[in-house]
């Protein structure tokens, strides 16, 4: 079960993700590259004690960067949008 805790890296707190939360009850997370939709669903349900209806994932490619004569490519990232059941909520910032 310790693998489920390593699936979710951090919550996705952006303007677009906040609007999706308010309008469609969807929450965004940055997840591990190897994580599947089923693993993401189980991790969110276990860690936040909510019912997940749907999981959508997107893999973002790495970007090319240049620093002087050196060129490199950043690592790719994987994001997940999780839709919760009616009346369910996740509190990222408790007491703020």
C-alpha atoms as a PDB file:
ATOM      1  CA  UNK A   1       0.000   0.000   0.000  1.00  0.00           C
ATOM      2  CA  UNK A   2       2.955   2.355   0.321  1.00  0.00           C
ATOM      3  CA  UNK A   3       2.910   2.592  -3.463  1.00  0.00           C
ATOM      4  CA  UNK A   4      -0.428   4.468  -3.381  1.00  0.00           C
ATOM      5  CA  UNK A   5       1.113   7.326  -1.382  1.00  0.00           C
ATOM      6  CA  UNK A   6       3.794   7.798  -4.057  1.00  0.00           C
ATOM      7  CA  UNK A   7       1.242   8.094  -6.900  1.00  0.00           C
ATOM      8  CA  UNK A   8       0.120  11.658  -6.079  1.00  0.00           C
ATOM      9  CA  UNK A   9       3.065  14.072  -6.096  1.00  0.00           C
ATOM     10  CA  UNK A  10       1.253  17.347  -5.392  1.00  0.00           C
ATOM     11  CA  UNK A  11      -2.083  19.073  -5.985  1.00  0.00           C
ATOM     12  CA  UNK A  12      -2.409  21.200  -9.089  1.00  0.00           C
ATOM     13  CA  UNK A  13      -3.275  24.719  -7.922  1.00  0.00           C
ATOM     14  CA  UNK A  14      -3.724  26.881 -11.010  1.00  0.00           C
ATOM     15  CA  UNK A  15      -6.366  29.308 -12.182  1.00  0.00           C
ATOM     16  CA  UNK A  16      -7.733  26.841 -14.709  1.00  0.00           C
ATOM     17  CA  UNK A  17      -7.828  23.982 -12.202  1.00  0.00           C
ATOM     18  CA  UNK A  18      -9.593  26.181  -9.639  1.00  0.00           C
ATOM     19  CA  UNK A  19     -12.300  27.085 -12.164  1.00  0.00           C
ATOM     20  CA  UNK A  20     -12.785  23.386 -12.978  1.00  0.00           C
ATOM     21  CA  UNK A  21     -13.133  22.687  -9.259  1.00  0.00           C
ATOM     22  CA  UNK A  22     -15.801  25.330  -8.807  1.00  0.00           C
ATOM     23  CA  UNK A  23     -17.770  24.501 -11.949  1.00  0.00           C
ATOM     24  CA  UNK A  24     -17.439  20.713 -12.401  1.00  0.00           C
ATOM     25  CA  UNK A  25     -16.134  19.456  -9.007  1.00  0.00           C
ATOM     26  CA  UNK A  26     -12.835  18.350 -10.627  1.00  0.00           C
ATOM     27  CA  UNK A  27      -9.500  18.460  -8.830  1.00  0.00           C
ATOM     28  CA  UNK A  28      -6.070  18.436 -10.464  1.00  0.00           C
ATOM     29  CA  UNK A  29      -2.977  16.561  -9.336  1.00  0.00           C
ATOM     30  CA  UNK A  30       0.564  16.132 -10.587  1.00  0.00           C
ATOM     31  CA  UNK A  31       1.088  12.372 -10.562  1.00  0.00           C
ATOM     32  CA  UNK A  32       3.938   9.912 -11.104  1.00  0.00           C
ATOM     33  CA  UNK A  33       4.698   9.049 -14.735  1.00  0.00           C
ATOM     34  CA  UNK A  34       4.053   5.344 -14.163  1.00  0.00           C
ATOM     35  CA  UNK A  35       0.654   5.839 -12.473  1.00  0.00           C
ATOM     36  CA  UNK A  36      -2.440   4.407 -14.128  1.00  0.00           C
ATOM     37  CA  UNK A  37      -5.970   5.806 -13.867  1.00  0.00           C
ATOM     38  CA  UNK A  38      -6.999   3.003 -11.523  1.00  0.00           C
ATOM     39  CA  UNK A  39      -4.015   3.654  -9.199  1.00  0.00           C
ATOM     40  CA  UNK A  40      -4.777   7.394  -9.182  1.00  0.00           C
ATOM     41  CA  UNK A  41      -8.422   6.703  -8.320  1.00  0.00           C
ATOM     42  CA  UNK A  42      -7.491   4.387  -5.438  1.00  0.00           C
ATOM     43  CA  UNK A  43      -4.895   6.847  -4.090  1.00  0.00           C
ATOM     44  CA  UNK A  44      -7.313   9.814  -4.073  1.00  0.00           C
ATOM     45  CA  UNK A  45     -10.079   7.756  -2.482  1.00  0.00           C
ATOM     46  CA  UNK A  46      -7.738   6.456   0.230  1.00  0.00           C
ATOM     47  CA  UNK A  47      -5.886   9.684   1.037  1.00  0.00           C
ATOM     48  CA  UNK A  48      -8.824  12.121   0.900  1.00  0.00           C
ATOM     49  CA  UNK A  49     -11.731   9.774   1.823  1.00  0.00           C
ATOM     50  CA  UNK A  50     -13.913  10.742  -1.174  1.00  0.00           C
ATOM     51  CA  UNK A  51     -15.716   8.907  -3.984  1.00  0.00           C
ATOM     52  CA  UNK A  52     -14.073   9.345  -7.415  1.00  0.00           C
ATOM     53  CA  UNK A  53     -16.321   9.153 -10.484  1.00  0.00           C
ATOM     54  CA  UNK A  54     -13.852   9.759 -13.302  1.00  0.00           C
ATOM     55  CA  UNK A  55     -10.113  10.215 -13.880  1.00  0.00           C
ATOM     56  CA  UNK A  56      -8.617  11.954 -16.922  1.00  0.00           C
ATOM     57  CA  UNK A  57      -4.854  12.036 -17.461  1.00  0.00           C
ATOM     58  CA  UNK A  58      -2.586  14.021 -19.739  1.00  0.00           C
ATOM     59  CA  UNK A  59       1.143  13.578 -20.316  1.00  0.00           C
ATOM     60  CA  UNK A  60       2.909  16.844 -21.077  1.00  0.00           C
ATOM     61  CA  UNK A  61       6.135  16.595 -23.102  1.00  0.00           C
ATOM     62  CA  UNK A  62       9.403  18.064 -21.887  1.00  0.00           C
ATOM     63  CA  UNK A  63      10.489  21.455 -23.146  1.00  0.00           C
ATOM     64  CA  UNK A  64      13.739  22.320 -24.896  1.00  0.00           C
ATOM     65  CA  UNK A  65      15.907  24.822 -23.007  1.00  0.00           C
ATOM     66  CA  UNK A  66      19.169  26.556 -23.767  1.00  0.00           C
ATOM     67  CA  UNK A  67      21.677  27.974 -21.335  1.00  0.00           C
ATOM     68  CA  UNK A  68      24.570  29.465 -23.251  1.00  0.00           C
ATOM     69  CA  UNK A  69      26.151  26.749 -25.369  1.00  0.00           C
ATOM     70  CA  UNK A  70      24.350  23.981 -23.489  1.00  0.00           C
ATOM     71  CA  UNK A  71      21.001  22.647 -24.627  1.00  0.00           C
ATOM     72  CA  UNK A  72      18.856  20.265 -22.648  1.00  0.00           C
ATOM     73  CA  UNK A  73      15.304  18.981 -22.431  1.00  0.00           C
ATOM     74  CA  UNK A  74      13.268  19.025 -19.232  1.00  0.00           C
ATOM     75  CA  UNK A  75      11.478  15.891 -18.064  1.00  0.00           C
ATOM     76  CA  UNK A  76       7.913  15.204 -19.110  1.00  0.00           C
ATOM     77  CA  UNK A  77       5.119  15.561 -16.572  1.00  0.00           C
ATOM     78  CA  UNK A  78       1.840  13.762 -16.022  1.00  0.00           C
ATOM     79  CA  UNK A  79      -1.303  15.437 -14.691  1.00  0.00           C
ATOM     80  CA  UNK A  80      -4.608  13.959 -13.618  1.00  0.00           C
ATOM     81  CA  UNK A  81      -8.039  15.569 -13.351  1.00  0.00           C
ATOM     82  CA  UNK A  82     -10.229  13.739 -10.858  1.00  0.00           C
ATOM     83  CA  UNK A  83     -13.993  14.240 -10.822  1.00  0.00           C
ATOM     84  CA  UNK A  84     -15.669  13.631  -7.480  1.00  0.00           C
ATOM     85  CA  UNK A  85     -19.189  12.565  -6.626  1.00  0.00           C
ATOM     86  CA  UNK A  86     -21.965  15.009  -5.793  1.00  0.00           C
ATOM     87  CA  UNK A  87     -21.370  16.810  -2.491  1.00  0.00           C
ATOM     88  CA  UNK A  88     -17.748  15.583  -2.160  1.00  0.00           C
ATOM     89  CA  UNK A  89     -14.915  18.053  -1.527  1.00  0.00           C
ATOM     90  CA  UNK A  90     -11.161  18.018  -1.007  1.00  0.00           C
ATOM     91  CA  UNK A  91      -9.618  20.616   1.308  1.00  0.00           C
ATOM     92  CA  UNK A  92      -6.028  21.317   0.232  1.00  0.00           C
ATOM     93  CA  UNK A  93      -5.548  24.223   2.654  1.00  0.00           C
ATOM     94  CA  UNK A  94      -7.196  23.514   5.998  1.00  0.00           C
ATOM     95  CA  UNK A  95      -7.317  26.396   8.436  1.00  0.00           C
ATOM     96  CA  UNK A  96      -6.179  29.046   5.936  1.00  0.00           C
END
